[in-house]
Amino acid sequence: MSYTPYRPSSAWLGLAADIGLPLAGYYTLHAMGADDWLALLVATAAAGARLIAVALWTRRVSWFAAIMLGVFGVGLALAFIGGSPRFLLLKDSFTTAVIGAVFLSSLAGSRPLTLSAAQSWRPGLGEELERLYREVPAGRRAFRISTLGWGLGMLAEAVLRIPLIYLLPIEVMVGLSTALMIAAMILLTLWNAAYITSAARREPVLEVLLPGSMRGRVGRQVRPDAPYAEACPK
């Protein structure tokens, strides 16, 4: 089997495009003084363009681009409803709650969201990751726990914001709301990295999930294309 090495730069570029493009469009227009509906419209269009481009180029759906499209699309609809400033701040909680719900609902299907995301970011390992999930209990458990952690973490962030919106001044919450989302993403990313590293230490076959520079440092070396009957610890 041919094997394309994992390139961290490619993975981060894919993540930046999926999430960063719509967010950049949204906050850039806000900084320029544009109305909320216009900023949301541009962000929705950016997420949609990214989704279509990835689908045409790789014949895969970029699930994070799809999530961002849904989030900003719903936000655009809510912007037309209007309401008090505190109601508009609740839109951020709705956004992260939707993301968390998507993560958790994917556990009921055949493909948890973190598996789809990993395959989108690392197309050279798409088949290998699929086999890891389908054939190896440790691989299946790792993807499902990772998805569960992201889902619960995003829901917790959404719930935490709600009382703060009504307890703190509006001018404080405008900046704090965005900071909460960024902090949640950073903490969940760090947790996910620590969890996968710990899991790979117990089950060396999971080293394929680690960056190339870390492989072989947490357990015995395993060829990513080795048959799983050989790779799994006896």
Protein backbone atom coordinates (compact mmCIF):
# COMPACT_ATOMS: atom_id res chain seq x y z
CA MET A 1 0.00 0.00 0.00
CA SER A 2 1.34 3.45 -0.87
CA TYR A 3 1.64 5.74 2.07
CA THR A 4 1.72 9.52 2.05
CA PRO A 5 3.52 10.91 5.11
CA TYR A 6 1.58 13.18 7.36
CA ARG A 7 2.53 16.81 6.85
CA PRO A 8 1.48 18.96 9.82
CA SER A 9 1.51 22.07 7.64
CA SER A 10 -1.08 20.56 5.30
CA ALA A 11 -3.34 19.59 8.19
CA TRP A 12 -3.20 23.04 9.75
CA LEU A 13 -3.74 24.74 6.38
CA GLY A 14 -6.85 22.62 5.86
CA LEU A 15 -8.16 23.48 9.32
CA ALA A 16 -7.36 27.17 8.80
CA ALA A 17 -9.25 27.19 5.51
CA ASP A 18 -12.27 25.34 6.92
CA ILE A 19 -12.66 27.51 10.00
CA GLY A 20 -10.41 30.52 9.45
CA LEU A 21 -11.78 31.77 6.13
CA PRO A 22 -15.37 32.36 7.29
CA LEU A 23 -14.22 33.69 10.68
CA ALA A 24 -11.73 36.04 9.03
CA GLY A 25 -14.40 37.38 6.70
CA TYR A 26 -16.84 37.85 9.56
CA TYR A 27 -14.51 39.67 11.96
CA THR A 28 -12.79 41.71 9.25
CA LEU A 29 -16.08 43.18 8.08
CA HIS A 30 -17.12 43.79 11.68
CA ALA A 31 -13.87 45.66 12.29
CA MET A 32 -14.59 47.77 9.22
CA GLY A 33 -17.97 48.74 10.68
CA ALA A 34 -20.17 46.56 8.46
CA ASP A 35 -23.61 45.48 9.63
CA ASP A 36 -23.91 42.10 11.30
CA TRP A 37 -26.04 40.64 8.49
CA LEU A 38 -23.45 41.61 5.85
CA ALA A 39 -20.60 40.08 7.87
CA LEU A 40 -22.63 36.90 8.33
CA LEU A 41 -23.49 36.81 4.63
CA VAL A 42 -19.81 37.00 3.66
CA ALA A 43 -18.87 34.35 6.24
CA THR A 44 -21.64 32.05 4.98
CA ALA A 45 -20.48 32.53 1.38
CA ALA A 46 -16.85 31.81 2.35
CA ALA A 47 -17.82 28.59 4.15
CA GLY A 48 -19.96 27.52 1.19
CA ALA A 49 -17.17 28.23 -1.30
CA ARG A 50 -14.71 26.21 0.78
CA LEU A 51 -17.17 23.30 1.02
CA ILE A 52 -17.72 23.22 -2.76
CA ALA A 53 -14.01 23.60 -3.57
CA VAL A 54 -12.99 20.69 -1.32
CA ALA A 55 -15.80 18.50 -2.66
CA LEU A 56 -14.75 19.14 -6.26
CA TRP A 57 -11.03 18.72 -5.59
CA THR A 58 -11.01 15.69 -3.29
CA ARG A 59 -14.50 14.22 -3.82
CA ARG A 60 -14.90 14.38 -0.05
CA VAL A 61 -17.13 16.53 2.12
CA SER A 62 -15.21 18.84 4.44
CA TRP A 63 -17.33 18.41 7.54
CA PHE A 64 -15.84 21.37 9.36
CA ALA A 65 -16.60 23.58 6.36
CA ALA A 66 -20.14 22.18 6.39
CA ILE A 67 -20.47 22.97 10.09
CA MET A 68 -19.26 26.53 9.58
CA LEU A 69 -21.70 26.93 6.67
CA GLY A 70 -24.56 25.79 8.89
CA VAL A 71 -23.48 27.92 11.83
CA PHE A 72 -23.12 31.15 9.88
CA GLY A 73 -26.21 30.37 7.80
CA VAL A 74 -28.34 30.03 10.94
CA GLY A 75 -26.67 33.12 12.39
CA LEU A 76 -27.61 35.02 9.23
CA ALA A 77 -31.24 33.96 9.68
CA LEU A 78 -31.20 35.00 13.35
CA ALA A 79 -29.73 38.39 12.42
CA PHE A 80 -32.92 39.21 10.54
CA ILE A 81 -35.01 38.38 13.61
CA GLY A 82 -33.32 41.11 15.59
CA GLY A 83 -33.86 41.54 19.31
CA SER A 84 -31.97 42.98 22.26
CA PRO A 85 -28.15 43.09 22.35
CA ARG A 86 -28.17 40.27 24.90
CA PHE A 87 -30.27 38.14 22.55
CA LEU A 88 -27.72 38.72 19.80
CA LEU A 89 -24.95 37.60 22.16
CA LEU A 90 -26.88 34.39 22.76
CA LYS A 91 -26.25 33.65 19.10
CA ASP A 92 -22.67 32.71 20.04
CA SER A 93 -23.96 30.13 22.51
CA PHE A 94 -26.27 28.78 19.84
CA THR A 95 -23.30 28.50 17.48
CA THR A 96 -21.14 26.43 19.81
CA ALA A 97 -24.14 24.39 20.95
CA VAL A 98 -24.84 23.44 17.33
CA ILE A 99 -21.20 22.44 16.83
CA GLY A 100 -21.29 20.33 20.00
CA ALA A 101 -24.56 18.70 18.96
CA VAL A 102 -23.13 17.82 15.55
CA PHE A 103 -20.13 16.13 17.20
CA LEU A 104 -22.36 14.13 19.54
CA SER A 105 -24.94 13.19 16.91
CA SER A 106 -22.18 11.81 14.68
CA LEU A 107 -21.60 9.14 17.35
CA ALA A 108 -24.98 7.66 16.46
CA GLY A 109 -23.87 7.11 12.86
CA SER A 110 -21.17 5.01 11.30
CA ARG A 111 -18.52 7.75 11.21
CA PRO A 112 -17.70 9.98 14.20
CA LEU A 113 -16.88 13.51 13.19
CA THR A 114 -13.23 13.35 14.26
CA LEU A 115 -12.68 10.47 11.81
CA SER A 116 -14.14 12.49 8.94
CA ALA A 117 -12.10 15.52 10.00
CA ALA A 118 -8.87 13.52 10.20
CA GLN A 119 -9.46 12.10 6.71
CA SER A 120 -10.13 15.58 5.31
CA TRP A 121 -6.95 17.02 6.82
CA ARG A 122 -4.80 14.01 5.97
CA PRO A 123 -6.09 12.64 2.65
CA GLY A 124 -2.98 10.52 2.15
CA LEU A 125 -4.00 8.49 5.20
CA GLY A 126 -7.71 8.31 4.40
CA GLU A 127 -7.88 4.55 3.81
CA GLU A 128 -5.50 3.83 6.69
CA LEU A 129 -7.60 5.84 9.12
CA GLU A 130 -10.73 4.10 7.85
CA ARG A 131 -9.16 0.68 8.52
CA LEU A 132 -7.98 1.84 11.92
CA TYR A 133 -11.54 2.74 12.87
CA ARG A 134 -13.25 -0.28 11.30
CA GLU A 135 -10.82 -3.04 12.26
CA VAL A 136 -9.08 -2.02 15.49
CA PRO A 137 -11.08 -1.61 18.73
CA ALA A 138 -8.45 0.79 20.11
CA GLY A 139 -8.75 2.97 17.01
CA ARG A 140 -12.53 2.97 17.16
CA ARG A 141 -12.43 3.87 20.85
CA ALA A 142 -9.95 6.71 20.25
CA PHE A 143 -12.06 8.37 17.56
CA ARG A 144 -15.27 8.00 19.55
CA ILE A 145 -13.81 9.36 22.81
CA SER A 146 -12.23 12.25 20.91
CA THR A 147 -15.58 13.07 19.30
CA LEU A 148 -17.37 12.78 22.65
CA GLY A 149 -14.87 15.13 24.29
CA TRP A 150 -15.25 17.77 21.59
CA GLY A 151 -19.03 17.55 21.69
CA LEU A 152 -19.31 17.85 25.47
CA GLY A 153 -16.68 20.58 25.58
CA MET A 154 -18.47 22.76 23.03
CA LEU A 155 -21.82 22.26 24.80
CA ALA A 156 -20.22 23.21 28.13
CA GLU A 157 -18.84 26.41 26.57
CA ALA A 158 -22.30 27.27 25.23
CA VAL A 159 -23.95 26.72 28.62
CA LEU A 160 -21.28 28.70 30.50
CA ARG A 161 -21.81 31.76 28.31
CA ILE A 162 -25.57 32.06 28.95
CA PRO A 163 -25.52 33.24 32.61
CA LEU A 164 -22.53 35.49 31.89
CA ILE A 165 -24.53 37.30 29.19
CA TYR A 166 -27.13 38.32 31.76
CA LEU A 167 -24.76 38.93 34.69
CA LEU A 168 -22.04 41.03 33.01
CA PRO A 169 -22.29 44.37 31.18
CA ILE A 170 -22.85 44.17 27.43
CA GLU A 171 -19.57 45.92 26.61
CA VAL A 172 -17.68 43.30 28.64
CA MET A 173 -19.46 40.31 27.13
CA VAL A 174 -18.92 41.43 23.53
CA GLY A 175 -15.20 40.70 23.85
CA LEU A 176 -15.50 37.94 26.44
CA SER A 177 -17.88 35.92 24.27
CA THR A 178 -15.31 35.59 21.50
CA ALA A 179 -12.55 34.92 24.04
CA LEU A 180 -14.60 32.06 25.51
CA MET A 181 -14.92 30.38 22.13
CA ILE A 182 -11.21 30.75 21.38
CA ALA A 183 -10.26 29.46 24.85
CA ALA A 184 -12.57 26.47 24.46
CA MET A 185 -11.03 25.57 21.09
CA ILE A 186 -7.49 25.84 22.49
CA LEU A 187 -8.27 23.78 25.61
CA LEU A 188 -10.06 21.09 23.60
CA THR A 189 -7.18 20.92 21.13
CA LEU A 190 -4.68 20.49 23.97
CA TRP A 191 -6.87 17.86 25.63
CA ASN A 192 -7.27 15.98 22.35
CA ALA A 193 -3.52 15.97 21.72
CA ALA A 194 -2.82 14.74 25.27
CA TYR A 195 -5.47 12.04 25.00
CA ILE A 196 -4.24 10.72 21.63
CA THR A 197 -0.63 10.73 22.86
CA SER A 198 -1.63 8.80 25.98
CA ALA A 199 -3.70 6.35 23.93
CA ALA A 200 -0.78 5.78 21.53
CA ARG A 201 1.47 5.06 24.50
CA ARG A 202 -0.89 2.26 25.52
CA GLU A 203 -1.69 1.07 21.97
CA PRO A 204 1.26 1.66 19.59
CA VAL A 205 -0.94 1.05 16.53
CA LEU A 206 -2.45 4.49 17.24
CA GLU A 207 0.88 6.19 16.48
CA VAL A 208 -0.46 6.77 12.98
CA LEU A 209 -2.63 9.49 14.56
CA LEU A 210 0.41 11.39 15.85
CA PRO A 211 2.53 13.95 13.97
CA GLY A 212 5.45 12.28 12.21
CA SER A 213 7.99 13.84 14.56
CA MET A 214 6.37 12.10 17.54
CA ARG A 215 6.11 8.61 16.13
CA GLY A 216 8.37 6.11 17.81
CA ARG A 217 8.73 8.30 20.91
CA VAL A 218 5.65 7.08 22.76
CA GLY A 219 5.91 3.36 22.09
CA ARG A 220 7.43 0.81 19.76
CA GLN A 221 7.67 1.85 16.12
CA VAL A 222 4.84 0.62 13.90
CA ARG A 223 4.75 1.00 10.12
CA PRO A 224 1.54 2.90 9.24
CA ASP A 225 0.89 0.48 6.36
CA ALA A 226 1.53 -2.70 8.36
CA PRO A 227 -1.33 -5.20 8.64
CA TYR A 228 -3.23 -4.57 11.83
CA ALA A 229 -2.83 -8.16 12.91
CA GLU A 230 0.90 -7.44 13.10
CA ALA A 231 0.62 -3.90 14.42
CA CYS A 232 -1.67 -4.57 17.36
CA PRO A 233 0.10 -5.49 20.59
CA LYS A 234 -0.10 -9.16 21.49
